[in-house]
Amino acid sequence: LEVRGLEVRYGGIRAVRGIDLEVAEGELVCLIGANGAGKTSTLRAI
């Protein structure tokens, strides 16, 4: 999985701000952060 420049907006709110991430085959990669950091929005966008 390769994500480049991912952005998510809800109306005027920019929830995900151009993030890049990648996951190699066989890896377990985690996303952590406070509530509202954009974690769930990132998965939903993928």
ModelCIF file with pLDDT and N, C-alpha, C, O atoms, coordinates in Angstrom:
data_MODEL
#
_entry.id   MODEL 
#
_entity.id                         1 
_entity.type                       polymer 
_entity.pdbx_number_of_molecules   1 
#
_entity_poly.entity_id                      1 
_entity_poly.type                           'polypeptide(L)' 
_entity_poly.nstd_linkage                   no 
_entity_poly.nstd_monomer                   no 
_entity_poly.pdbx_seq_one_letter_code       LEVRGLEVRYGGIRAVRGIDLEVAEGELVCLIGANGAGKTSTLRAI 
_entity_poly.pdbx_seq_one_letter_code_can   LEVRGLEVRYGGIRAVRGIDLEVAEGELVCLIGANGAGKTSTLRAI 
_entity_poly.pdbx_strand_id                 A 
#
loop_
_entity_poly_seq.entity_id 
_entity_poly_seq.num 
_entity_poly_seq.mon_id 
_entity_poly_seq.hetero 
1 1  LEU n 
1 2  GLU n 
1 3  VAL n 
1 4  ARG n 
1 5  GLY n 
1 6  LEU n 
1 7  GLU n 
1 8  VAL n 
1 9  ARG n 
1 10 TYR n 
1 11 GLY n 
1 12 GLY n 
1 13 ILE n 
1 14 ARG n 
1 15 ALA n 
1 16 VAL n 
1 17 ARG n 
1 18 GLY n 
1 19 ILE n 
1 20 ASP n 
1 21 LEU n 
1 22 GLU n 
1 23 VAL n 
1 24 ALA n 
1 25 GLU n 
1 26 GLY n 
1 27 GLU n 
1 28 LEU n 
1 29 VAL n 
1 30 CYS n 
1 31 LEU n 
1 32 ILE n 
1 33 GLY n 
1 34 ALA n 
1 35 ASN n 
1 36 GLY n 
1 37 ALA n 
1 38 GLY n 
1 39 LYS n 
1 40 THR n 
1 41 SER n 
1 42 THR n 
1 43 LEU n 
1 44 ARG n 
1 45 ALA n 
1 46 ILE n 
#
_struct_asym.id          A 
_struct_asym.entity_id   1 
#
loop_
_ma_qa_metric.id 
_ma_qa_metric.mode 
_ma_qa_metric.name 
_ma_qa_metric.software_group_id 
_ma_qa_metric.type 
1 global pLDDT . pLDDT 
2 local  pLDDT . pLDDT 
#
_ma_qa_metric_global.metric_id      1 
_ma_qa_metric_global.metric_value   96.09 
_ma_qa_metric_global.model_id       1 
_ma_qa_metric_global.ordinal_id     1 
#
loop_
_ma_qa_metric_local.label_asym_id 
_ma_qa_metric_local.label_comp_id 
_ma_qa_metric_local.label_seq_id 
_ma_qa_metric_local.metric_id 
_ma_qa_metric_local.metric_value 
_ma_qa_metric_local.model_id 
_ma_qa_metric_local.ordinal_id 
A LEU 1  2 98.00 1 1  
A GLU 2  2 98.00 1 2  
A VAL 3  2 98.00 1 3  
A ARG 4  2 98.00 1 4  
A GLY 5  2 98.00 1 5  
A LEU 6  2 98.00 1 6  
A GLU 7  2 97.00 1 7  
A VAL 8  2 97.00 1 8  
A ARG 9  2 96.00 1 9  
A TYR 10 2 95.00 1 10 
A GLY 11 2 92.00 1 11 
A GLY 12 2 89.00 1 12 
A ILE 13 2 92.00 1 13 
A ARG 14 2 95.00 1 14 
A ALA 15 2 96.00 1 15 
A VAL 16 2 97.00 1 16 
A ARG 17 2 96.00 1 17 
A GLY 18 2 97.00 1 18 
A ILE 19 2 97.00 1 19 
A ASP 20 2 98.00 1 20 
A LEU 21 2 97.00 1 21 
A GLU 22 2 98.00 1 22 
A VAL 23 2 98.00 1 23 
A ALA 24 2 98.00 1 24 
A GLU 25 2 98.00 1 25 
A GLY 26 2 97.00 1 26 
A GLU 27 2 98.00 1 27 
A LEU 28 2 98.00 1 28 
A VAL 29 2 98.00 1 29 
A CYS 30 2 98.00 1 30 
A LEU 31 2 97.00 1 31 
A ILE 32 2 96.00 1 32 
A GLY 33 2 94.00 1 33 
A ALA 34 2 91.00 1 34 
A ASN 35 2 90.00 1 35 
A GLY 36 2 90.00 1 36 
A ALA 37 2 94.00 1 37 
A GLY 38 2 96.00 1 38 
A LYS 39 2 96.00 1 39 
A THR 40 2 95.00 1 40 
A SER 41 2 97.00 1 41 
A THR 42 2 97.00 1 42 
A LEU 43 2 97.00 1 43 
A ARG 44 2 96.00 1 44 
A ALA 45 2 97.00 1 45 
A ILE 46 2 97.00 1 46 
#
loop_
_atom_site.group_PDB 
_atom_site.id 
_atom_site.type_symbol 
_atom_site.label_atom_id 
_atom_site.label_alt_id 
_atom_site.label_comp_id 
_atom_site.label_asym_id 
_atom_site.label_entity_id 
_atom_site.label_seq_id 
_atom_site.pdbx_PDB_ins_code 
_atom_site.Cartn_x 
_atom_site.Cartn_y 
_atom_site.Cartn_z 
_atom_site.occupancy 
_atom_site.B_iso_or_equiv 
_atom_site.pdbx_formal_charge 
_atom_site.auth_seq_id 
_atom_site.auth_comp_id 
_atom_site.auth_asym_id 
_atom_site.auth_atom_id 
_atom_site.pdbx_PDB_model_num 
ATOM 1   N N  . LEU A 1 1  ? 0.850   -1.189 0.000  1.00 98.00 ? 1  LEU A N  1 
ATOM 2   C CA . LEU A 1 1  ? 0.000   0.000  0.000  1.00 98.00 ? 1  LEU A CA 1 
ATOM 3   C C  . LEU A 1 1  ? 0.886   1.238  0.000  1.00 98.00 ? 1  LEU A C  1 
ATOM 4   O O  . LEU A 1 1  ? 1.794   1.367  0.821  1.00 98.00 ? 1  LEU A O  1 
ATOM 5   N N  . GLU A 1 2  ? 0.610   2.142  -0.928 1.00 98.00 ? 2  GLU A N  1 
ATOM 6   C CA . GLU A 1 2  ? 1.361   3.400  -1.005 1.00 98.00 ? 2  GLU A CA 1 
ATOM 7   C C  . GLU A 1 2  ? 0.373   4.550  -1.120 1.00 98.00 ? 2  GLU A C  1 
ATOM 8   O O  . GLU A 1 2  ? -0.442  4.584  -2.042 1.00 98.00 ? 2  GLU A O  1 
ATOM 9   N N  . VAL A 1 3  ? 0.445   5.480  -0.195 1.00 98.00 ? 3  VAL A N  1 
ATOM 10  C CA . VAL A 1 3  ? -0.448  6.641  -0.165 1.00 98.00 ? 3  VAL A CA 1 
ATOM 11  C C  . VAL A 1 3  ? 0.408   7.886  -0.311 1.00 98.00 ? 3  VAL A C  1 
ATOM 12  O O  . VAL A 1 3  ? 1.387   8.061  0.414  1.00 98.00 ? 3  VAL A O  1 
ATOM 13  N N  . ARG A 1 4  ? 0.044   8.743  -1.240 1.00 98.00 ? 4  ARG A N  1 
ATOM 14  C CA . ARG A 1 4  ? 0.810   9.968  -1.482 1.00 98.00 ? 4  ARG A CA 1 
ATOM 15  C C  . ARG A 1 4  ? -0.137  11.171 -1.572 1.00 98.00 ? 4  ARG A C  1 
ATOM 16  O O  . ARG A 1 4  ? -1.107  11.170 -2.331 1.00 98.00 ? 4  ARG A O  1 
ATOM 17  N N  . GLY A 1 5  ? 0.177   12.191 -0.774 1.00 98.00 ? 5  GLY A N  1 
ATOM 18  C CA . GLY A 1 5  ? -0.569  13.449 -0.840 1.00 98.00 ? 5  GLY A CA 1 
ATOM 19  C C  . GLY A 1 5  ? -2.042  13.309 -0.522 1.00 98.00 ? 5  GLY A C  1 
ATOM 20  O O  . GLY A 1 5  ? -2.867  14.008 -1.110 1.00 98.00 ? 5  GLY A O  1 
ATOM 21  N N  . LEU A 1 6  ? -2.396  12.414 0.404  1.00 98.00 ? 6  LEU A N  1 
ATOM 22  C CA . LEU A 1 6  ? -3.807  12.165 0.706  1.00 98.00 ? 6  LEU A CA 1 
ATOM 23  C C  . LEU A 1 6  ? -4.418  13.335 1.474  1.00 98.00 ? 6  LEU A C  1 
ATOM 24  O O  . LEU A 1 6  ? -3.891  13.768 2.498  1.00 98.00 ? 6  LEU A O  1 
ATOM 25  N N  . GLU A 1 7  ? -5.534  13.835 0.961  1.00 97.00 ? 7  GLU A N  1 
ATOM 26  C CA . GLU A 1 7  ? -6.269  14.899 1.627  1.00 97.00 ? 7  GLU A CA 1 
ATOM 27  C C  . GLU A 1 7  ? -7.742  14.535 1.719  1.00 97.00 ? 7  GLU A C  1 
ATOM 28  O O  . GLU A 1 7  ? -8.318  13.970 0.790  1.00 97.00 ? 7  GLU A O  1 
ATOM 29  N N  . VAL A 1 8  ? -8.342  14.871 2.861  1.00 97.00 ? 8  VAL A N  1 
ATOM 30  C CA . VAL A 1 8  ? -9.775  14.665 3.079  1.00 97.00 ? 8  VAL A CA 1 
ATOM 31  C C  . VAL A 1 8  ? -10.345 15.940 3.666  1.00 97.00 ? 8  VAL A C  1 
ATOM 32  O O  . VAL A 1 8  ? -9.805  16.488 4.627  1.00 97.00 ? 8  VAL A O  1 
ATOM 33  N N  . ARG A 1 9  ? -11.433 16.408 3.090  1.00 96.00 ? 9  ARG A N  1 
ATOM 34  C CA . ARG A 1 9  ? -12.115 17.594 3.609  1.00 96.00 ? 9  ARG A CA 1 
ATOM 35  C C  . ARG A 1 9  ? -13.570 17.256 3.919  1.00 96.00 ? 9  ARG A C  1 
ATOM 36  O O  . ARG A 1 9  ? -14.222 16.507 3.191  1.00 96.00 ? 9  ARG A O  1 
ATOM 37  N N  . TYR A 1 10 ? -14.052 17.818 5.000  1.00 95.00 ? 10 TYR A N  1 
ATOM 38  C CA . TYR A 1 10 ? -15.471 17.753 5.338  1.00 95.00 ? 10 TYR A CA 1 
ATOM 39  C C  . TYR A 1 10 ? -15.985 19.187 5.332  1.00 95.00 ? 10 TYR A C  1 
ATOM 40  O O  . TYR A 1 10 ? -15.874 19.899 6.329  1.00 95.00 ? 10 TYR A O  1 
ATOM 41  N N  . GLY A 1 11 ? -16.551 19.607 4.193  1.00 92.00 ? 11 GLY A N  1 
ATOM 42  C CA . GLY A 1 11 ? -16.917 21.002 4.046  1.00 92.00 ? 11 GLY A CA 1 
ATOM 43  C C  . GLY A 1 11 ? -15.658 21.844 4.059  1.00 92.00 ? 11 GLY A C  1 
ATOM 44  O O  . GLY A 1 11 ? -14.753 21.640 3.250  1.00 92.00 ? 11 GLY A O  1 
ATOM 45  N N  . GLY A 1 12 ? -15.606 22.792 4.980  1.00 89.00 ? 12 GLY A N  1 
ATOM 46  C CA . GLY A 1 12 ? -14.435 23.656 5.072  1.00 89.00 ? 12 GLY A CA 1 
ATOM 47  C C  . GLY A 1 12 ? -13.349 23.124 5.971  1.00 89.00 ? 12 GLY A C  1 
ATOM 48  O O  . GLY A 1 12 ? -12.313 23.768 6.136  1.00 89.00 ? 12 GLY A O  1 
ATOM 49  N N  . ILE A 1 13 ? -13.563 21.947 6.562  1.00 92.00 ? 13 ILE A N  1 
ATOM 50  C CA . ILE A 1 13 ? -12.594 21.371 7.491  1.00 92.00 ? 13 ILE A CA 1 
ATOM 51  C C  . ILE A 1 13 ? -11.655 20.439 6.747  1.00 92.00 ? 13 ILE A C  1 
ATOM 52  O O  . ILE A 1 13 ? -12.098 19.512 6.069  1.00 92.00 ? 13 ILE A O  1 
ATOM 53  N N  . ARG A 1 14 ? -10.369 20.681 6.873  1.00 95.00 ? 14 ARG A N  1 
ATOM 54  C CA . ARG A 1 14 ? -9.350  19.844 6.237  1.00 95.00 ? 14 ARG A CA 1 
ATOM 55  C C  . ARG A 1 14 ? -8.909  18.804 7.259  1.00 95.00 ? 14 ARG A C  1 
ATOM 56  O O  . ARG A 1 14 ? -8.057  19.083 8.102  1.00 95.00 ? 14 ARG A O  1 
ATOM 57  N N  . ALA A 1 15 ? -9.490  17.595 7.188  1.00 96.00 ? 15 ALA A N  1 
ATOM 58  C CA . ALA A 1 15 ? -9.272  16.566 8.201  1.00 96.00 ? 15 ALA A CA 1 
ATOM 59  C C  . ALA A 1 15 ? -7.971  15.806 8.008  1.00 96.00 ? 15 ALA A C  1 
ATOM 60  O O  . ALA A 1 15 ? -7.337  15.403 8.983  1.00 96.00 ? 15 ALA A O  1 
ATOM 61  N N  . VAL A 1 16 ? -7.568  15.605 6.760  1.00 97.00 ? 16 VAL A N  1 
ATOM 62  C CA . VAL A 1 16 ? -6.303  14.930 6.441  1.00 97.00 ? 16 VAL A CA 1 
ATOM 63  C C  . VAL A 1 16 ? -5.535  15.840 5.498  1.00 97.00 ? 16 VAL A C  1 
ATOM 64  O O  . VAL A 1 16 ? -6.060  16.274 4.472  1.00 97.00 ? 16 VAL A O  1 
ATOM 65  N N  . ARG A 1 17 ? -4.270  16.129 5.858  1.00 96.00 ? 17 ARG A N  1 
ATOM 66  C CA . ARG A 1 17 ? -3.539  17.212 5.213  1.00 96.00 ? 17 ARG A CA 1 
ATOM 67  C C  . ARG A 1 17 ? -2.341  16.706 4.398  1.00 96.00 ? 17 ARG A C  1 
ATOM 68  O O  . ARG A 1 17 ? -1.187  16.918 4.773  1.00 96.00 ? 17 ARG A O  1 
ATOM 69  N N  . GLY A 1 18 ? -2.630  16.050 3.303  1.00 97.00 ? 18 GLY A N  1 
ATOM 70  C CA . GLY A 1 18 ? -1.563  15.684 2.374  1.00 97.00 ? 18 GLY A CA 1 
ATOM 71  C C  . GLY A 1 18 ? -0.573  14.675 2.904  1.00 97.00 ? 18 GLY A C  1 
ATOM 72  O O  . GLY A 1 18 ? 0.633   14.841 2.723  1.00 97.00 ? 18 GLY A O  1 
ATOM 73  N N  . ILE A 1 19 ? -1.060  13.625 3.561  1.00 97.00 ? 19 ILE A N  1 
ATOM 74  C CA . ILE A 1 19 ? -0.131  12.679 4.182  1.00 97.00 ? 19 ILE A CA 1 
ATOM 75  C C  . ILE A 1 19 ? 0.406   11.657 3.179  1.00 97.00 ? 19 ILE A C  1 
ATOM 76  O O  . ILE A 1 19 ? -0.240  11.336 2.181  1.00 97.00 ? 19 ILE A O  1 
ATOM 77  N N  . ASP A 1 20 ? 1.596   11.162 3.474  1.00 98.00 ? 20 ASP A N  1 
ATOM 78  C CA . ASP A 1 20 ? 2.233   10.081 2.733  1.00 98.00 ? 20 ASP A CA 1 
ATOM 79  C C  . ASP A 1 20 ? 2.465   8.933  3.709  1.00 98.00 ? 20 ASP A C  1 
ATOM 80  O O  . ASP A 1 20 ? 2.943   9.143  4.824  1.00 98.00 ? 20 ASP A O  1 
ATOM 81  N N  . LEU A 1 21 ? 2.128   7.734  3.289  1.00 97.00 ? 21 LEU A N  1 
ATOM 82  C CA . LEU A 1 21 ? 2.459   6.556  4.097  1.00 97.00 ? 21 LEU A CA 1 
ATOM 83  C C  . LEU A 1 21 ? 2.550   5.347  3.192  1.00 97.00 ? 21 LEU A C  1 
ATOM 84  O O  . LEU A 1 21 ? 2.044   5.347  2.069  1.00 97.00 ? 21 LEU A O  1 
ATOM 85  N N  . GLU A 1 22 ? 3.212   4.304  3.707  1.00 98.00 ? 22 GLU A N  1 
ATOM 86  C CA . GLU A 1 22 ? 3.292   3.061  2.945  1.00 98.00 ? 22 GLU A CA 1 
ATOM 87  C C  . GLU A 1 22 ? 3.335   1.874  3.896  1.00 98.00 ? 22 GLU A C  1 
ATOM 88  O O  . GLU A 1 22 ? 3.772   1.976  5.042  1.00 98.00 ? 22 GLU A O  1 
ATOM 89  N N  . VAL A 1 23 ? 2.869   0.756  3.383  1.00 98.00 ? 23 VAL A N  1 
ATOM 90  C CA . VAL A 1 23 ? 2.851   -0.495 4.137  1.00 98.00 ? 23 VAL A CA 1 
ATOM 91  C C  . VAL A 1 23 ? 3.425   -1.574 3.240  1.00 98.00 ? 23 VAL A C  1 
ATOM 92  O O  . VAL A 1 23 ? 2.915   -1.810 2.144  1.00 98.00 ? 23 VAL A O  1 
ATOM 93  N N  . ALA A 1 24 ? 4.484   -2.233 3.695  1.00 98.00 ? 24 ALA A N  1 
ATOM 94  C CA . ALA A 1 24 ? 5.096   -3.311 2.922  1.00 98.00 ? 24 ALA A CA 1 
ATOM 95  C C  . ALA A 1 24 ? 4.341   -4.612 3.154  1.00 98.00 ? 24 ALA A C  1 
ATOM 96  O O  . ALA A 1 24 ? 3.707   -4.800 4.192  1.00 98.00 ? 24 ALA A O  1 
ATOM 97  N N  . GLU A 1 25 ? 4.417   -5.492 2.188  1.00 98.00 ? 25 GLU A N  1 
ATOM 98  C CA . GLU A 1 25 ? 3.773   -6.803 2.336  1.00 98.00 ? 25 GLU A CA 1 
ATOM 99  C C  . GLU A 1 25 ? 4.323   -7.502 3.580  1.00 98.00 ? 25 GLU A C  1 
ATOM 100 O O  . GLU A 1 25 ? 5.535   -7.579 3.783  1.00 98.00 ? 25 GLU A O  1 
ATOM 101 N N  . GLY A 1 26 ? 3.405   -8.011 4.408  1.00 97.00 ? 26 GLY A N  1 
ATOM 102 C CA . GLY A 1 26 ? 3.789   -8.727 5.615  1.00 97.00 ? 26 GLY A CA 1 
ATOM 103 C C  . GLY A 1 26 ? 3.991   -7.855 6.833  1.00 97.00 ? 26 GLY A C  1 
ATOM 104 O O  . GLY A 1 26 ? 4.240   -8.372 7.922  1.00 97.00 ? 26 GLY A O  1 
ATOM 105 N N  . GLU A 1 27 ? 3.889   -6.541 6.680  1.00 98.00 ? 27 GLU A N  1 
ATOM 106 C CA . GLU A 1 27 ? 4.070   -5.632 7.808  1.00 98.00 ? 27 GLU A CA 1 
ATOM 107 C C  . GLU A 1 27 ? 2.788   -5.466 8.618  1.00 98.00 ? 27 GLU A C  1 
ATOM 108 O O  . GLU A 1 27 ? 1.681   -5.664 8.117  1.00 98.00 ? 27 GLU A O  1 
ATOM 109 N N  . LEU A 1 28 ? 2.970   -5.096 9.882  1.00 98.00 ? 28 LEU A N  1 
ATOM 110 C CA . LEU A 1 28 ? 1.889   -4.588 10.716 1.00 98.00 ? 28 LEU A CA 1 
ATOM 111 C C  . LEU A 1 28 ? 2.275   -3.148 11.048 1.00 98.00 ? 28 LEU A C  1 
ATOM 112 O O  . LEU A 1 28 ? 3.231   -2.900 11.784 1.00 98.00 ? 28 LEU A O  1 
ATOM 113 N N  . VAL A 1 29 ? 1.521   -2.211 10.497 1.00 98.00 ? 29 VAL A N  1 
ATOM 114 C CA . VAL A 1 29 ? 1.802   -0.788 10.662 1.00 98.00 ? 29 VAL A CA 1 
ATOM 115 C C  . VAL A 1 29 ? 0.640   -0.148 11.399 1.00 98.00 ? 29 VAL A C  1 
ATOM 116 O O  . VAL A 1 29 ? -0.519  -0.430 11.096 1.00 98.00 ? 29 VAL A O  1 
ATOM 117 N N  . CYS A 1 30 ? 0.938   0.713  12.365 1.00 98.00 ? 30 CYS A N  1 
ATOM 118 C CA . CYS A 1 30 ? -0.136  1.353  13.121 1.00 98.00 ? 30 CYS A CA 1 
ATOM 119 C C  . CYS A 1 30 ? -0.153  2.860  12.890 1.00 98.00 ? 30 CYS A C  1 
ATOM 120 O O  . CYS A 1 30 ? 0.874   3.477  12.607 1.00 98.00 ? 30 CYS A O  1 
ATOM 121 N N  . LEU A 1 31 ? -1.343  3.432  13.018 1.00 97.00 ? 31 LEU A N  1 
ATOM 122 C CA . LEU A 1 31 ? -1.547  4.874  13.026 1.00 97.00 ? 31 LEU A CA 1 
ATOM 123 C C  . LEU A 1 31 ? -2.064  5.236  14.405 1.00 97.00 ? 31 LEU A C  1 
ATOM 124 O O  . LEU A 1 31 ? -3.094  4.718  14.836 1.00 97.00 ? 31 LEU A O  1 
ATOM 125 N N  . ILE A 1 32 ? -1.363  6.117  15.103 1.00 96.00 ? 32 ILE A N  1 
ATOM 126 C CA . ILE A 1 32 ? -1.824  6.557  16.409 1.00 96.00 ? 32 ILE A CA 1 
ATOM 127 C C  . ILE A 1 32 ? -1.968  8.069  16.404 1.00 96.00 ? 32 ILE A C  1 
ATOM 128 O O  . ILE A 1 32 ? -1.439  8.763  15.535 1.00 96.00 ? 32 ILE A O  1 
ATOM 129 N N  . GLY A 1 33 ? -2.698  8.560  17.397 1.00 94.00 ? 33 GLY A N  1 
ATOM 130 C CA . GLY A 1 33 ? -2.913  9.992  17.496 1.00 94.00 ? 33 GLY A CA 1 
ATOM 131 C C  . GLY A 1 33 ? -4.135  10.273 18.341 1.00 94.00 ? 33 GLY A C  1 
ATOM 132 O O  . GLY A 1 33 ? -4.899  9.360  18.656 1.00 94.00 ? 33 GLY A O  1 
ATOM 133 N N  . ALA A 1 34 ? -4.324  11.520 18.707 1.00 91.00 ? 34 ALA A N  1 
ATOM 134 C CA . ALA A 1 34 ? -5.460  11.907 19.540 1.00 91.00 ? 34 ALA A CA 1 
ATOM 135 C C  . ALA A 1 34 ? -6.755  11.825 18.734 1.00 91.00 ? 34 ALA A C  1 
ATOM 136 O O  . ALA A 1 34 ? -6.732  11.683 17.511 1.00 91.00 ? 34 ALA A O  1 
ATOM 137 N N  . ASN A 1 35 ? -7.878  11.918 19.435 1.00 90.00 ? 35 ASN A N  1 
ATOM 138 C CA . ASN A 1 35 ? -9.168  12.001 18.762 1.00 90.00 ? 35 ASN A CA 1 
ATOM 139 C C  . ASN A 1 35 ? -9.168  13.197 17.819 1.00 90.00 ? 35 ASN A C  1 
ATOM 140 O O  . ASN A 1 35 ? -8.717  14.287 18.173 1.00 90.00 ? 35 ASN A O  1 
ATOM 141 N N  . GLY A 1 36 ? -9.685  12.972 16.605 1.00 90.00 ? 36 GLY A N  1 
ATOM 142 C CA . GLY A 1 36 ? -9.736  14.052 15.633 1.00 90.00 ? 36 GLY A CA 1 
ATOM 143 C C  . GLY A 1 36 ? -8.458  14.284 14.862 1.00 90.00 ? 36 GLY A C  1 
ATOM 144 O O  . GLY A 1 36 ? -8.351  15.249 14.105 1.00 90.00 ? 36 GLY A O  1 
ATOM 145 N N  . ALA A 1 37 ? -7.471  13.392 15.050 1.00 94.00 ? 37 ALA A N  1 
ATOM 146 C CA . ALA A 1 37 ? -6.189  13.571 14.356 1.00 94.00 ? 37 ALA A CA 1 
ATOM 147 C C  . ALA A 1 37 ? -6.262  13.196 12.878 1.00 94.00 ? 37 ALA A C  1 
ATOM 148 O O  . ALA A 1 37 ? -5.391  13.579 12.097 1.00 94.00 ? 37 ALA A O  1 
ATOM 149 N N  . GLY A 1 38 ? -7.302  12.445 12.489 1.00 96.00 ? 38 GLY A N  1 
ATOM 150 C CA . GLY A 1 38 ? -7.444  12.057 11.082 1.00 96.00 ? 38 GLY A CA 1 
ATOM 151 C C  . GLY A 1 38 ? -7.207  10.587 10.818 1.00 96.00 ? 38 GLY A C  1 
ATOM 152 O O  . GLY A 1 38 ? -7.108  10.173 9.663  1.00 96.00 ? 38 GLY A O  1 
ATOM 153 N N  . LYS A 1 39 ? -7.115  9.790  11.875 1.00 96.00 ? 39 LYS A N  1 
ATOM 154 C CA . LYS A 1 39 ? -6.787  8.365  11.710 1.00 96.00 ? 39 LYS A CA 1 
ATOM 155 C C  . LYS A 1 39 ? -7.894  7.612  10.966 1.00 96.00 ? 39 LYS A C  1 
ATOM 156 O O  . LYS A 1 39 ? -7.639  6.956  9.956  1.00 96.00 ? 39 LYS A O  1 
ATOM 157 N N  . THR A 1 40 ? -9.119  7.712  11.474 1.00 95.00 ? 40 THR A N  1 
ATOM 158 C CA . THR A 1 40 ? -10.228 7.012  10.834 1.00 95.00 ? 40 THR A CA 1 
ATOM 159 C C  . THR A 1 40 ? -10.492 7.566  9.437  1.00 95.00 ? 40 THR A C  1 
ATOM 160 O O  . THR A 1 40 ? -10.796 6.808  8.516  1.00 95.00 ? 40 THR A O  1 
ATOM 161 N N  . SER A 1 41 ? -10.378 8.875  9.276  1.00 97.00 ? 41 SER A N  1 
ATOM 162 C CA . SER A 1 41 ? -10.581 9.475  7.950  1.00 97.00 ? 41 SER A CA 1 
ATOM 163 C C  . SER A 1 41 ? -9.576  8.925  6.945  1.00 97.00 ? 41 SER A C  1 
ATOM 164 O O  . SER A 1 41 ? -9.899  8.754  5.769  1.00 97.00 ? 41 SER A O  1 
ATOM 165 N N  . THR A 1 42 ? -8.363  8.649  7.406  1.00 97.00 ? 42 THR A N  1 
ATOM 166 C CA . THR A 1 42 ? -7.344  8.090  6.515  1.00 97.00 ? 42 THR A CA 1 
ATOM 167 C C  . THR A 1 42 ? -7.759  6.700  6.028  1.00 97.00 ? 42 THR A C  1 
ATOM 168 O O  . THR A 1 42 ? -7.680  6.410  4.834  1.00 97.00 ? 42 THR A O  1 
ATOM 169 N N  . LEU A 1 43 ? -8.198  5.847  6.946  1.00 97.00 ? 43 LEU A N  1 
ATOM 170 C CA . LEU A 1 43 ? -8.632  4.506  6.544  1.00 97.00 ? 43 LEU A CA 1 
ATOM 171 C C  . LEU A 1 43 ? -9.843  4.577  5.624  1.00 97.00 ? 43 LEU A C  1 
ATOM 172 O O  . LEU A 1 43 ? -9.906  3.873  4.616  1.00 97.00 ? 43 LEU A O  1 
ATOM 173 N N  . ARG A 1 44 ? -10.793 5.419  5.971  1.00 96.00 ? 44 ARG A N  1 
ATOM 174 C CA . ARG A 1 44 ? -11.998 5.540  5.144  1.00 96.00 ? 44 ARG A CA 1 
ATOM 175 C C  . ARG A 1 44 ? -11.661 6.068  3.758  1.00 96.00 ? 44 ARG A C  1 
ATOM 176 O O  . ARG A 1 44 ? -12.285 5.679  2.770  1.00 96.00 ? 44 ARG A O  1 
ATOM 177 N N  . ALA A 1 45 ? -10.672 6.957  3.685  1.00 97.00 ? 45 ALA A N  1 
ATOM 178 C CA . ALA A 1 45 ? -10.266 7.482  2.384  1.00 97.00 ? 45 ALA A CA 1 
ATOM 179 C C  . ALA A 1 45 ? -9.606  6.403  1.537  1.00 97.00 ? 45 ALA A C  1 
ATOM 180 O O  . ALA A 1 45 ? -9.843  6.324  0.331  1.00 97.00 ? 45 ALA A O  1 
ATOM 181 N N  . ILE A 1 46 ? -8.776  5.569  2.167  1.00 97.00 ? 46 ILE A N  1 
ATOM 182 C CA . ILE A 1 46 ? -8.125  4.484  1.434  1.00 97.00 ? 46 ILE A CA 1 
ATOM 183 C C  . ILE A 1 46 ? -9.170  3.576  0.800  1.00 97.00 ? 46 ILE A C  1 
ATOM 184 O O  . ILE A 1 46 ? -8.819  2.599  0.138  1.00 97.00 ? 46 ILE A O  1 
#
